[in-house]
C-alpha cells in the first residue's frame, strides 16, 4: 500500500508539472500569435505560433496518460483552483483534456494554414500543415497537400535536368526527396488511409470522411 501511495503521489506531481508546462506554453503561443497578427506577412511567426499550439495539444495528450487531480471537496469553488485544474470525477478530467487537445490542434492547423498562404520557401510549412490535418482526421486534406508537394518536386527535378547540359552530372534531388521526415509522414498517411479503408470495407463506417466511400 505504501508503494502504491508513493507512486500515486509521484504521478499526481507529474500531472501538476504538465499543468505548469501548459501554462508556459500558452504564454509562448500568445506571444507568437499576437506578433503574427501584427506582422501578418511574416510566415515564421505563424509557423512558431503553430508549433506552440501543437506543443500545447501534445501536453494535453500527455495528461490523458496521467492521473487526474480530483477535488477533495466536491463543493470547492473553481476559483480556489484557478492555477491547477481539479475535477470532481475522472471522466471530467478526460473530457476536458480531449477537448483541449482538439481545440489546440485546430489552432495549430489554422496558424500553419496562415503561414502556407504566404507561400513560404521549402517544404516545412506544408508538411506541418499536413501533419496537423492527419491528427485532426482530415485525411483527404493531408493527402492533397503531400500529393501537391510530390508533383512540385518532380517538376523541379525535370526542370533542373533540362537546364543541365552535362549528362554525366548526378541528377539533382529536390528538398522533398532529401527529407526523410517528409517521406515518413507520407508513408504514415498511406498506412492511415489503408487502415481506414480496411475498416470501411469491414462495415465499420464510423469515419465520416467521404473519401473512404
N, C-alpha and C. Protein backbone atom coordinates (compact mmCIF):
# COMPACT_ATOMS: atom_id res chain seq x y z
N UNK A 1 0.82 -1.19 0.00
CA UNK A 1 0.00 0.00 0.00
C UNK A 1 0.86 1.25 0.00
N UNK A 2 1.97 1.17 0.74
CA UNK A 2 2.87 2.30 0.81
C UNK A 2 3.45 2.64 -0.53
N UNK A 3 3.84 1.57 -1.31
CA UNK A 3 4.40 1.80 -2.63
C UNK A 3 3.37 2.41 -3.57
N UNK A 4 2.13 1.91 -3.48
CA UNK A 4 1.09 2.43 -4.33
C UNK A 4 0.82 3.90 -4.03
N UNK A 5 0.81 4.25 -2.76
CA UNK A 5 0.57 5.63 -2.38
C UNK A 5 1.69 6.52 -2.86
N UNK A 6 2.91 5.99 -2.70
CA UNK A 6 4.08 6.76 -3.12
C UNK A 6 4.05 7.00 -4.62
N UNK A 7 3.74 5.93 -5.38
CA UNK A 7 3.65 6.06 -6.83
C UNK A 7 2.53 7.01 -7.24
N UNK A 8 1.41 6.93 -6.50
CA UNK A 8 0.29 7.82 -6.79
C UNK A 8 0.65 9.27 -6.58
N UNK A 9 1.34 9.56 -5.50
CA UNK A 9 1.75 10.94 -5.23
C UNK A 9 2.71 11.43 -6.31
N UNK A 10 3.61 10.55 -6.74
CA UNK A 10 4.56 10.92 -7.78
C UNK A 10 3.83 11.21 -9.09
N UNK A 11 2.83 10.41 -9.43
CA UNK A 11 2.07 10.61 -10.66
C UNK A 11 1.29 11.91 -10.63
N UNK A 12 0.71 12.23 -9.47
CA UNK A 12 -0.02 13.49 -9.34
C UNK A 12 0.93 14.67 -9.50
N UNK A 13 2.11 14.52 -8.96
CA UNK A 13 3.12 15.57 -9.13
C UNK A 13 3.47 15.74 -10.61
N UNK A 14 3.54 14.63 -11.33
CA UNK A 14 3.80 14.69 -12.76
C UNK A 14 2.70 15.47 -13.48
N UNK A 15 1.45 15.22 -13.07
CA UNK A 15 0.32 15.94 -13.66
C UNK A 15 0.44 17.43 -13.40
N UNK A 16 0.81 17.79 -12.18
CA UNK A 16 0.96 19.20 -11.84
C UNK A 16 2.09 19.85 -12.65
N UNK A 17 3.15 19.09 -12.89
CA UNK A 17 4.26 19.62 -13.70
C UNK A 17 3.82 19.88 -15.13
N UNK A 18 2.99 18.97 -15.67
CA UNK A 18 2.50 19.16 -17.03
C UNK A 18 1.59 20.38 -17.09
N UNK A 19 0.78 20.59 -16.05
CA UNK A 19 -0.06 21.79 -16.00
C UNK A 19 0.78 23.06 -16.04
N UNK A 20 1.91 23.03 -15.34
CA UNK A 20 2.81 24.19 -15.36
C UNK A 20 3.38 24.41 -16.75
N UNK A 21 3.72 23.30 -17.43
CA UNK A 21 4.23 23.40 -18.79
C UNK A 21 3.17 23.94 -19.74
N UNK A 22 1.92 23.53 -19.54
CA UNK A 22 0.82 24.03 -20.37
C UNK A 22 0.66 25.54 -20.19
N UNK A 23 0.76 25.99 -18.95
CA UNK A 23 0.63 27.42 -18.67
C UNK A 23 1.73 28.22 -19.39
N UNK A 24 2.96 27.72 -19.34
CA UNK A 24 4.07 28.40 -20.00
C UNK A 24 3.90 28.35 -21.52
N UNK A 25 3.46 27.19 -22.02
CA UNK A 25 3.28 27.03 -23.47
C UNK A 25 2.19 27.96 -24.00
N UNK A 26 1.13 28.17 -23.22
CA UNK A 26 0.06 29.07 -23.64
C UNK A 26 0.56 30.51 -23.71
N UNK A 27 1.44 30.89 -22.79
CA UNK A 27 2.02 32.24 -22.84
C UNK A 27 2.91 32.39 -24.07
N UNK A 28 3.67 31.33 -24.37
CA UNK A 28 4.53 31.35 -25.57
C UNK A 28 3.68 31.49 -26.82
N UNK A 29 2.60 30.71 -26.89
CA UNK A 29 1.70 30.79 -28.04
C UNK A 29 1.12 32.19 -28.17
N UNK A 30 0.68 32.75 -27.05
CA UNK A 30 0.08 34.09 -27.08
C UNK A 30 1.03 35.12 -27.65
N UNK A 31 2.30 35.03 -27.27
CA UNK A 31 3.30 35.99 -27.75
C UNK A 31 3.48 35.88 -29.26
N UNK A 32 3.65 34.65 -29.75
CA UNK A 32 3.85 34.46 -31.18
C UNK A 32 2.59 34.80 -31.98
N UNK A 33 1.43 34.46 -31.44
CA UNK A 33 0.18 34.69 -32.17
C UNK A 33 -0.09 36.19 -32.31
N UNK A 34 0.11 36.93 -31.23
CA UNK A 34 -0.09 38.38 -31.30
C UNK A 34 0.91 39.00 -32.28
N UNK A 35 2.17 38.54 -32.21
CA UNK A 35 3.17 39.06 -33.14
C UNK A 35 2.80 38.75 -34.59
N UNK A 36 2.25 37.55 -34.82
CA UNK A 36 1.85 37.16 -36.18
C UNK A 36 0.69 38.02 -36.67
N UNK A 37 -0.23 38.35 -35.78
CA UNK A 37 -1.35 39.20 -36.17
C UNK A 37 -0.89 40.61 -36.51
N UNK A 38 0.16 41.07 -35.83
CA UNK A 38 0.70 42.41 -36.10
C UNK A 38 1.55 42.43 -37.36
N UNK A 39 2.22 41.31 -37.65
CA UNK A 39 3.06 41.20 -38.86
C UNK A 39 2.53 40.05 -39.70
N UNK A 40 1.40 40.25 -40.33
CA UNK A 40 0.66 39.17 -40.97
C UNK A 40 1.42 38.49 -42.11
N UNK A 41 2.38 39.19 -42.71
CA UNK A 41 3.09 38.62 -43.85
C UNK A 41 4.40 37.94 -43.46
N UNK A 42 4.65 37.79 -42.18
CA UNK A 42 5.85 37.09 -41.70
C UNK A 42 5.45 35.65 -41.40
N UNK A 43 5.75 34.75 -42.31
CA UNK A 43 5.29 33.36 -42.15
C UNK A 43 5.97 32.66 -40.97
N UNK A 44 7.19 33.11 -40.60
CA UNK A 44 7.89 32.46 -39.49
C UNK A 44 7.14 32.64 -38.17
N UNK A 45 6.48 33.77 -37.99
CA UNK A 45 5.70 33.99 -36.76
C UNK A 45 4.49 33.08 -36.71
N UNK A 46 3.81 32.91 -37.86
CA UNK A 46 2.68 31.97 -37.92
C UNK A 46 3.15 30.55 -37.68
N UNK A 47 4.33 30.24 -38.22
CA UNK A 47 4.89 28.89 -38.05
C UNK A 47 5.19 28.62 -36.58
N UNK A 48 5.80 29.58 -35.90
CA UNK A 48 6.13 29.41 -34.48
C UNK A 48 4.88 29.36 -33.62
N UNK A 49 3.86 30.13 -33.99
CA UNK A 49 2.59 30.06 -33.26
C UNK A 49 1.97 28.68 -33.43
N UNK A 50 2.03 28.16 -34.65
CA UNK A 50 1.51 26.82 -34.90
C UNK A 50 2.27 25.76 -34.12
N UNK A 51 3.60 25.89 -34.07
CA UNK A 51 4.41 24.94 -33.29
C UNK A 51 4.05 24.99 -31.81
N UNK A 52 3.82 26.21 -31.30
CA UNK A 52 3.46 26.36 -29.89
C UNK A 52 2.10 25.72 -29.60
N UNK A 53 1.15 25.91 -30.53
CA UNK A 53 -0.18 25.31 -30.37
C UNK A 53 -0.10 23.79 -30.43
N UNK A 54 0.73 23.27 -31.32
CA UNK A 54 0.91 21.82 -31.41
C UNK A 54 1.54 21.27 -30.14
N UNK A 55 2.46 22.02 -29.55
CA UNK A 55 3.08 21.61 -28.30
C UNK A 55 2.05 21.54 -27.18
N UNK A 56 1.14 22.51 -27.14
CA UNK A 56 0.08 22.50 -26.12
C UNK A 56 -0.83 21.29 -26.31
N UNK A 57 -1.17 20.99 -27.56
CA UNK A 57 -2.00 19.81 -27.85
C UNK A 57 -1.31 18.54 -27.38
N UNK A 58 -0.01 18.45 -27.59
CA UNK A 58 0.75 17.27 -27.14
C UNK A 58 0.77 17.17 -25.62
N UNK A 59 0.83 18.30 -24.94
CA UNK A 59 0.82 18.29 -23.47
C UNK A 59 -0.54 17.82 -22.94
N UNK A 60 -1.61 18.25 -23.58
CA UNK A 60 -2.94 17.78 -23.17
C UNK A 60 -3.08 16.28 -23.45
N UNK A 61 -2.50 15.82 -24.54
CA UNK A 61 -2.49 14.39 -24.84
C UNK A 61 -1.72 13.63 -23.77
N UNK A 62 -0.63 14.21 -23.32
CA UNK A 62 0.16 13.59 -22.26
C UNK A 62 -0.63 13.49 -20.96
N UNK A 63 -1.46 14.49 -20.69
CA UNK A 63 -2.28 14.47 -19.47
C UNK A 63 -3.23 13.28 -19.44
N UNK A 64 -3.64 12.81 -20.63
CA UNK A 64 -4.57 11.69 -20.70
C UNK A 64 -3.98 10.40 -20.17
N UNK A 65 -2.65 10.32 -20.09
CA UNK A 65 -1.99 9.13 -19.56
C UNK A 65 -1.56 9.32 -18.10
N UNK A 66 -1.92 10.47 -17.52
CA UNK A 66 -1.58 10.76 -16.12
C UNK A 66 -2.85 10.79 -15.29
N UNK A 67 -2.75 10.52 -13.99
CA UNK A 67 -3.94 10.53 -13.14
C UNK A 67 -4.45 11.94 -12.92
N UNK A 68 -5.77 12.10 -12.81
CA UNK A 68 -6.34 13.43 -12.58
C UNK A 68 -6.13 13.90 -11.15
N UNK A 69 -6.20 15.21 -10.98
CA UNK A 69 -6.17 15.80 -9.64
C UNK A 69 -7.63 16.04 -9.25
N UNK A 70 -8.14 15.20 -8.38
CA UNK A 70 -9.55 15.23 -8.01
C UNK A 70 -9.77 16.18 -6.85
N UNK A 71 -10.87 16.92 -6.90
CA UNK A 71 -11.24 17.79 -5.79
C UNK A 71 -11.52 16.97 -4.55
N UNK A 72 -10.92 17.34 -3.45
CA UNK A 72 -11.20 16.67 -2.19
C UNK A 72 -12.59 17.04 -1.69
N UNK A 73 -12.99 18.27 -1.95
CA UNK A 73 -14.31 18.76 -1.54
C UNK A 73 -15.12 19.05 -2.79
N UNK A 74 -16.18 18.27 -3.07
CA UNK A 74 -16.98 18.49 -4.28
C UNK A 74 -17.57 19.88 -4.37
N UNK A 75 -17.75 20.54 -3.20
CA UNK A 75 -18.35 21.87 -3.17
C UNK A 75 -17.32 22.98 -3.33
N UNK A 76 -16.06 22.60 -3.54
CA UNK A 76 -14.99 23.58 -3.69
C UNK A 76 -15.22 24.42 -4.94
N UNK A 77 -15.07 25.73 -4.79
CA UNK A 77 -15.29 26.62 -5.92
C UNK A 77 -14.12 26.56 -6.89
N UNK A 78 -14.42 26.76 -8.18
CA UNK A 78 -13.38 26.67 -9.20
C UNK A 78 -12.29 27.70 -9.02
N UNK A 79 -12.66 28.91 -8.53
CA UNK A 79 -11.65 29.94 -8.40
C UNK A 79 -10.61 29.60 -7.35
N UNK A 80 -10.94 28.65 -6.46
CA UNK A 80 -9.96 28.24 -5.45
C UNK A 80 -8.83 27.43 -6.10
N UNK A 81 -9.04 26.96 -7.33
CA UNK A 81 -8.04 26.14 -8.02
C UNK A 81 -7.85 26.65 -9.44
N UNK A 82 -7.76 27.97 -9.58
CA UNK A 82 -7.67 28.54 -10.91
C UNK A 82 -6.36 28.18 -11.60
N UNK A 83 -5.29 27.96 -10.83
CA UNK A 83 -4.00 27.66 -11.43
C UNK A 83 -3.82 26.19 -11.74
N UNK A 84 -4.56 25.33 -11.07
CA UNK A 84 -4.44 23.88 -11.27
C UNK A 84 -5.83 23.31 -11.51
N UNK A 85 -6.02 22.72 -12.64
CA UNK A 85 -7.32 22.16 -12.98
C UNK A 85 -7.61 20.95 -12.10
N UNK A 86 -8.65 21.06 -11.32
CA UNK A 86 -9.10 19.94 -10.49
C UNK A 86 -10.52 19.59 -10.90
N UNK A 87 -10.83 18.31 -10.85
CA UNK A 87 -12.12 17.85 -11.35
C UNK A 87 -12.81 16.98 -10.31
N UNK A 88 -14.13 16.98 -10.37
CA UNK A 88 -14.91 16.19 -9.42
C UNK A 88 -14.84 14.70 -9.74
N UNK A 89 -14.74 14.37 -11.05
CA UNK A 89 -14.71 12.96 -11.46
C UNK A 89 -13.63 12.77 -12.52
N UNK A 90 -13.05 11.57 -12.60
CA UNK A 90 -12.05 11.30 -13.64
C UNK A 90 -12.58 11.52 -15.05
N UNK A 91 -13.91 11.26 -15.24
CA UNK A 91 -14.49 11.44 -16.57
C UNK A 91 -14.40 12.89 -17.03
N UNK A 92 -14.58 13.82 -16.10
CA UNK A 92 -14.49 15.24 -16.43
C UNK A 92 -13.07 15.60 -16.86
N UNK A 93 -12.10 15.02 -16.16
CA UNK A 93 -10.69 15.24 -16.47
C UNK A 93 -10.37 14.79 -17.89
N UNK A 94 -10.83 13.58 -18.26
CA UNK A 94 -10.56 13.04 -19.59
C UNK A 94 -11.25 13.87 -20.67
N UNK A 95 -12.52 14.22 -20.45
CA UNK A 95 -13.26 15.01 -21.43
C UNK A 95 -12.62 16.37 -21.64
N UNK A 96 -12.16 16.97 -20.54
CA UNK A 96 -11.53 18.29 -20.63
C UNK A 96 -10.28 18.24 -21.51
N UNK A 97 -9.40 17.29 -21.24
CA UNK A 97 -8.13 17.25 -21.97
C UNK A 97 -8.31 16.76 -23.41
N UNK A 98 -9.30 15.91 -23.66
CA UNK A 98 -9.59 15.53 -25.04
C UNK A 98 -10.08 16.73 -25.85
N UNK A 99 -10.97 17.51 -25.23
CA UNK A 99 -11.50 18.70 -25.91
C UNK A 99 -10.40 19.73 -26.13
N UNK A 100 -9.55 19.93 -25.11
CA UNK A 100 -8.46 20.91 -25.24
C UNK A 100 -7.44 20.47 -26.29
N UNK A 101 -7.18 19.18 -26.36
CA UNK A 101 -6.26 18.66 -27.37
C UNK A 101 -6.76 18.99 -28.77
N UNK A 102 -8.05 18.74 -29.03
CA UNK A 102 -8.62 19.00 -30.34
C UNK A 102 -8.66 20.50 -30.63
N UNK A 103 -8.95 21.30 -29.60
CA UNK A 103 -9.00 22.75 -29.80
C UNK A 103 -7.64 23.30 -30.22
N UNK A 104 -6.58 22.82 -29.57
CA UNK A 104 -5.25 23.33 -29.90
C UNK A 104 -4.73 22.75 -31.21
N UNK A 105 -5.17 21.56 -31.58
CA UNK A 105 -4.82 21.03 -32.90
C UNK A 105 -5.46 21.88 -34.00
N UNK A 106 -6.69 22.31 -33.77
CA UNK A 106 -7.36 23.19 -34.73
C UNK A 106 -6.62 24.52 -34.83
N UNK A 107 -6.17 25.02 -33.69
CA UNK A 107 -5.43 26.29 -33.68
C UNK A 107 -4.11 26.14 -34.44
N UNK A 108 -3.43 25.03 -34.21
CA UNK A 108 -2.17 24.78 -34.92
C UNK A 108 -2.41 24.70 -36.42
N UNK A 109 -3.47 24.01 -36.81
CA UNK A 109 -3.80 23.89 -38.24
C UNK A 109 -4.07 25.25 -38.86
N UNK A 110 -4.83 26.09 -38.15
CA UNK A 110 -5.15 27.43 -38.68
C UNK A 110 -3.90 28.29 -38.83
N UNK A 111 -2.98 28.20 -37.87
CA UNK A 111 -1.76 29.01 -37.94
C UNK A 111 -0.83 28.51 -39.04
N UNK A 112 -0.72 27.19 -39.18
CA UNK A 112 0.08 26.64 -40.29
C UNK A 112 -0.52 27.03 -41.64
N UNK A 113 -1.85 27.05 -41.71
CA UNK A 113 -2.52 27.44 -42.95
C UNK A 113 -2.24 28.90 -43.27
N UNK A 114 -2.25 29.76 -42.22
CA UNK A 114 -1.93 31.17 -42.44
C UNK A 114 -0.51 31.33 -42.96
N UNK A 115 0.41 30.53 -42.42
CA UNK A 115 1.80 30.57 -42.90
C UNK A 115 1.89 30.06 -44.34
N UNK A 116 1.15 29.00 -44.66
CA UNK A 116 1.20 28.41 -46.00
C UNK A 116 0.62 29.35 -47.05
N UNK A 117 -0.37 30.15 -46.66
CA UNK A 117 -0.99 31.09 -47.60
C UNK A 117 -0.03 32.20 -48.03
N UNK A 118 1.05 32.39 -47.27
CA UNK A 118 2.05 33.40 -47.63
C UNK A 118 3.04 32.83 -48.65
N UNK A 119 2.91 31.54 -48.95
CA UNK A 119 3.78 30.83 -49.91
C UNK A 119 5.25 30.89 -49.48
N UNK A 120 5.56 30.30 -48.33
CA UNK A 120 6.94 30.31 -47.85
C UNK A 120 7.81 29.35 -48.66
N UNK A 121 9.13 29.54 -48.63
CA UNK A 121 10.02 28.61 -49.35
C UNK A 121 10.12 27.28 -48.61
N UNK A 122 10.52 26.25 -49.33
CA UNK A 122 10.74 24.95 -48.69
C UNK A 122 9.46 24.16 -48.48
N UNK A 123 9.62 23.05 -47.76
CA UNK A 123 8.50 22.13 -47.55
C UNK A 123 8.08 22.04 -46.09
N UNK A 124 8.74 22.79 -45.21
CA UNK A 124 8.47 22.67 -43.77
C UNK A 124 7.02 23.00 -43.43
N UNK A 125 6.56 24.15 -43.90
CA UNK A 125 5.20 24.59 -43.56
C UNK A 125 4.13 23.65 -44.11
N UNK A 126 4.18 23.27 -45.41
CA UNK A 126 3.17 22.34 -45.91
C UNK A 126 3.16 21.00 -45.18
N UNK A 127 4.35 20.51 -44.82
CA UNK A 127 4.41 19.24 -44.10
C UNK A 127 3.78 19.34 -42.71
N UNK A 128 4.04 20.45 -42.04
CA UNK A 128 3.45 20.63 -40.71
C UNK A 128 1.94 20.83 -40.80
N UNK A 129 1.48 21.49 -41.83
CA UNK A 129 0.04 21.65 -42.06
C UNK A 129 -0.59 20.29 -42.33
N UNK A 130 0.06 19.49 -43.14
CA UNK A 130 -0.45 18.15 -43.43
C UNK A 130 -0.50 17.30 -42.16
N UNK A 131 0.54 17.39 -41.34
CA UNK A 131 0.58 16.63 -40.09
C UNK A 131 -0.56 17.02 -39.15
N UNK A 132 -0.86 18.32 -39.09
CA UNK A 132 -1.97 18.79 -38.26
C UNK A 132 -3.30 18.22 -38.78
N UNK A 133 -3.46 18.20 -40.10
CA UNK A 133 -4.68 17.63 -40.68
C UNK A 133 -4.80 16.14 -40.34
N UNK A 134 -3.68 15.42 -40.37
CA UNK A 134 -3.71 14.00 -40.04
C UNK A 134 -4.17 13.78 -38.61
N UNK A 135 -3.65 14.58 -37.68
CA UNK A 135 -4.03 14.46 -36.28
C UNK A 135 -5.52 14.77 -36.07
N UNK A 136 -6.05 15.66 -36.91
CA UNK A 136 -7.46 16.02 -36.80
C UNK A 136 -8.38 15.05 -37.55
N UNK A 137 -7.78 14.12 -38.29
CA UNK A 137 -8.58 13.16 -39.05
C UNK A 137 -8.98 13.65 -40.42
N UNK A 138 -8.42 14.79 -40.86
CA UNK A 138 -8.72 15.34 -42.19
C UNK A 138 -7.79 14.68 -43.22
N UNK A 139 -8.06 13.42 -43.50
CA UNK A 139 -7.15 12.63 -44.31
C UNK A 139 -7.05 13.14 -45.75
N UNK A 140 -8.18 13.50 -46.34
CA UNK A 140 -8.17 13.94 -47.73
C UNK A 140 -7.38 15.24 -47.90
N UNK A 141 -7.53 16.16 -46.93
CA UNK A 141 -6.79 17.43 -46.99
C UNK A 141 -5.28 17.18 -46.88
N UNK A 142 -4.89 16.28 -45.96
CA UNK A 142 -3.47 15.96 -45.79
C UNK A 142 -2.91 15.32 -47.06
N UNK A 143 -3.68 14.42 -47.67
CA UNK A 143 -3.23 13.75 -48.89
C UNK A 143 -3.06 14.75 -50.03
N UNK A 144 -3.98 15.70 -50.14
CA UNK A 144 -3.89 16.71 -51.20
C UNK A 144 -2.61 17.53 -51.06
N UNK A 145 -2.28 17.93 -49.84
CA UNK A 145 -1.08 18.74 -49.62
C UNK A 145 0.18 17.98 -49.99
N UNK A 146 0.30 16.75 -49.52
CA UNK A 146 1.51 15.97 -49.79
C UNK A 146 1.61 15.56 -51.26
N UNK A 147 0.47 15.30 -51.89
CA UNK A 147 0.49 14.97 -53.32
C UNK A 147 0.96 16.16 -54.14
N UNK A 148 0.49 17.37 -53.78
CA UNK A 148 0.93 18.58 -54.47
C UNK A 148 2.44 18.79 -54.29
N UNK A 149 2.92 18.52 -53.09
CA UNK A 149 4.36 18.64 -52.84
C UNK A 149 5.15 17.69 -53.72
N UNK A 150 4.63 16.47 -53.85
CA UNK A 150 5.30 15.46 -54.67
C UNK A 150 5.34 15.88 -56.13
N UNK A 151 4.24 16.43 -56.65
CA UNK A 151 4.18 16.88 -58.04
C UNK A 151 5.15 18.03 -58.28
N UNK A 152 5.19 18.98 -57.34
CA UNK A 152 6.10 20.11 -57.47
C UNK A 152 7.55 19.65 -57.44
N UNK A 153 7.81 18.63 -56.62
CA UNK A 153 9.16 18.09 -56.52
C UNK A 153 9.60 17.48 -57.85
N UNK A 154 8.71 16.76 -58.53
CA UNK A 154 9.03 16.15 -59.83
C UNK A 154 9.24 17.21 -60.91
N UNK A 155 8.41 18.27 -60.88
CA UNK A 155 8.57 19.35 -61.85
C UNK A 155 9.92 20.03 -61.68
N UNK A 156 10.29 20.26 -60.40
CA UNK A 156 11.57 20.91 -60.11
C UNK A 156 12.73 20.04 -60.63
N UNK A 157 12.63 18.74 -60.42
CA UNK A 157 13.69 17.84 -60.83
C UNK A 157 13.85 17.82 -62.34
N UNK A 158 12.74 17.75 -63.09
CA UNK A 158 12.80 17.74 -64.55
C UNK A 158 13.35 19.05 -65.09
N UNK A 159 12.97 20.17 -64.46
CA UNK A 159 13.44 21.47 -64.90
C UNK A 159 14.95 21.59 -64.73
N UNK A 160 15.45 21.12 -63.59
CA UNK A 160 16.89 21.18 -63.32
C UNK A 160 17.66 20.29 -64.30
N UNK A 161 17.10 19.14 -64.61
CA UNK A 161 17.77 18.22 -65.53
C UNK A 161 17.82 18.80 -66.94
N UNK A 162 16.73 19.44 -67.36
CA UNK A 162 16.67 20.02 -68.71
C UNK A 162 17.64 21.18 -68.87
N UNK A 163 17.85 21.93 -67.79
CA UNK A 163 18.74 23.08 -67.86
C UNK A 163 20.21 22.70 -67.74
N UNK A 164 20.48 21.43 -67.41
CA UNK A 164 21.86 20.97 -67.23
C UNK A 164 22.31 20.25 -68.50
N UNK A 165 23.31 20.80 -69.17
CA UNK A 165 23.77 20.21 -70.44
C UNK A 165 24.74 19.05 -70.23
N UNK A 166 25.30 18.92 -69.04
CA UNK A 166 26.28 17.86 -68.77
C UNK A 166 25.54 16.61 -68.31
N UNK A 167 25.48 15.60 -69.17
CA UNK A 167 24.72 14.39 -68.85
C UNK A 167 25.40 13.54 -67.80
N UNK A 168 26.70 13.77 -67.57
CA UNK A 168 27.42 12.94 -66.60
C UNK A 168 27.16 13.37 -65.16
N UNK A 169 26.62 14.56 -64.99
CA UNK A 169 26.35 15.04 -63.63
C UNK A 169 25.21 14.25 -63.00
N UNK A 170 25.29 14.11 -61.68
CA UNK A 170 24.23 13.40 -60.95
C UNK A 170 22.97 14.24 -60.95
N UNK A 171 21.83 13.60 -61.18
CA UNK A 171 20.57 14.33 -61.19
C UNK A 171 20.31 14.97 -59.83
N UNK A 172 19.89 16.24 -59.81
CA UNK A 172 19.66 16.93 -58.54
C UNK A 172 18.49 16.32 -57.78
N UNK A 173 18.58 16.37 -56.47
CA UNK A 173 17.49 15.88 -55.62
C UNK A 173 16.74 17.07 -55.04
N UNK A 174 15.43 17.02 -55.10
CA UNK A 174 14.62 18.10 -54.55
C UNK A 174 14.66 18.04 -53.03
N UNK A 175 14.15 19.11 -52.42
CA UNK A 175 14.12 19.16 -50.95
C UNK A 175 13.25 18.05 -50.38
N UNK A 176 12.17 17.73 -51.08
CA UNK A 176 11.29 16.66 -50.62
C UNK A 176 12.02 15.32 -50.64
N UNK A 177 12.76 15.06 -51.70
CA UNK A 177 13.48 13.79 -51.81
C UNK A 177 14.56 13.65 -50.75
N UNK A 178 15.12 14.78 -50.32
CA UNK A 178 16.18 14.75 -49.32
C UNK A 178 15.66 14.72 -47.89
N UNK A 179 14.35 14.86 -47.72
CA UNK A 179 13.77 14.92 -46.37
C UNK A 179 13.17 13.57 -45.99
N UNK A 180 13.88 12.83 -45.13
CA UNK A 180 13.34 11.54 -44.69
C UNK A 180 12.10 11.73 -43.84
N UNK A 181 12.03 12.85 -43.09
CA UNK A 181 10.86 13.12 -42.24
C UNK A 181 9.60 13.29 -43.09
N UNK A 182 9.74 13.97 -44.23
CA UNK A 182 8.59 14.17 -45.11
C UNK A 182 8.11 12.85 -45.70
N UNK A 183 9.04 11.97 -46.08
CA UNK A 183 8.65 10.68 -46.63
C UNK A 183 8.04 9.77 -45.57
N UNK A 184 8.53 9.87 -44.33
CA UNK A 184 7.91 9.11 -43.23
C UNK A 184 6.49 9.59 -42.98
N UNK A 185 6.29 10.91 -43.07
CA UNK A 185 4.95 11.47 -42.91
C UNK A 185 4.03 10.95 -44.01
N UNK A 186 4.54 10.92 -45.25
CA UNK A 186 3.76 10.42 -46.39
C UNK A 186 3.44 8.93 -46.21
N UNK A 187 4.42 8.17 -45.74
CA UNK A 187 4.20 6.74 -45.51
C UNK A 187 3.17 6.51 -44.41
N UNK A 188 3.26 7.29 -43.33
CA UNK A 188 2.28 7.18 -42.24
C UNK A 188 0.87 7.48 -42.73
N UNK A 189 0.77 8.49 -43.60
CA UNK A 189 -0.54 8.83 -44.16
C UNK A 189 -1.09 7.69 -45.01
N UNK A 190 -0.23 7.06 -45.82
CA UNK A 190 -0.67 5.94 -46.64
C UNK A 190 -1.16 4.77 -45.77
N UNK A 191 -0.44 4.51 -44.67
CA UNK A 191 -0.86 3.46 -43.74
C UNK A 191 -2.20 3.80 -43.10
N UNK A 192 -2.37 5.08 -42.75
CA UNK A 192 -3.63 5.51 -42.14
C UNK A 192 -4.78 5.34 -43.12
N UNK A 193 -4.56 5.72 -44.38
CA UNK A 193 -5.61 5.58 -45.39
C UNK A 193 -5.95 4.10 -45.58
N UNK A 194 -4.92 3.25 -45.66
CA UNK A 194 -5.17 1.82 -45.83
C UNK A 194 -5.95 1.24 -44.66
N UNK A 195 -5.61 1.68 -43.44
CA UNK A 195 -6.30 1.20 -42.25
C UNK A 195 -7.77 1.63 -42.25
N UNK A 196 -8.00 2.90 -42.57
CA UNK A 196 -9.37 3.42 -42.58
C UNK A 196 -10.21 2.75 -43.67
N UNK A 197 -9.59 2.52 -44.83
CA UNK A 197 -10.32 1.84 -45.92
C UNK A 197 -10.66 0.40 -45.54
N UNK A 198 -9.72 -0.25 -44.85
CA UNK A 198 -9.97 -1.62 -44.40
C UNK A 198 -11.14 -1.66 -43.42
N UNK A 199 -11.17 -0.71 -42.51
CA UNK A 199 -12.29 -0.63 -41.56
C UNK A 199 -13.61 -0.39 -42.29
N UNK A 200 -13.57 0.50 -43.27
CA UNK A 200 -14.79 0.84 -44.01
C UNK A 200 -15.31 -0.39 -44.76
N UNK A 201 -14.42 -1.13 -45.38
CA UNK A 201 -14.83 -2.32 -46.13
C UNK A 201 -15.40 -3.41 -45.23
N UNK A 202 -14.98 -3.41 -43.96
CA UNK A 202 -15.48 -4.40 -43.00
C UNK A 202 -16.80 -3.97 -42.35
N UNK A 203 -17.28 -2.80 -42.75
CA UNK A 203 -18.55 -2.33 -42.21
C UNK A 203 -18.43 -1.37 -41.06
N UNK A 204 -17.21 -1.08 -40.62
CA UNK A 204 -17.00 -0.11 -39.55
C UNK A 204 -16.90 1.27 -40.18
N UNK A 205 -18.05 1.92 -40.34
CA UNK A 205 -18.11 3.19 -41.06
C UNK A 205 -18.26 4.36 -40.10
N UNK A 206 -17.44 4.36 -39.05
CA UNK A 206 -17.50 5.43 -38.05
C UNK A 206 -16.80 6.69 -38.52
N UNK A 207 -15.93 6.57 -39.52
CA UNK A 207 -15.24 7.74 -40.05
C UNK A 207 -16.13 8.39 -41.10
N UNK A 208 -16.49 9.65 -40.88
CA UNK A 208 -17.40 10.35 -41.78
C UNK A 208 -16.72 10.97 -42.99
N UNK A 209 -15.41 10.76 -43.11
CA UNK A 209 -14.67 11.33 -44.24
C UNK A 209 -15.16 10.68 -45.54
N UNK A 210 -15.62 11.51 -46.47
CA UNK A 210 -16.23 11.00 -47.70
C UNK A 210 -15.27 10.21 -48.57
N UNK A 211 -13.96 10.43 -48.43
CA UNK A 211 -13.00 9.80 -49.35
C UNK A 211 -12.93 8.29 -49.18
N UNK A 212 -13.45 7.74 -48.08
CA UNK A 212 -13.37 6.30 -47.86
C UNK A 212 -14.56 5.56 -48.47
N UNK A 213 -15.51 6.26 -49.05
CA UNK A 213 -16.70 5.58 -49.58
C UNK A 213 -16.38 4.91 -50.91
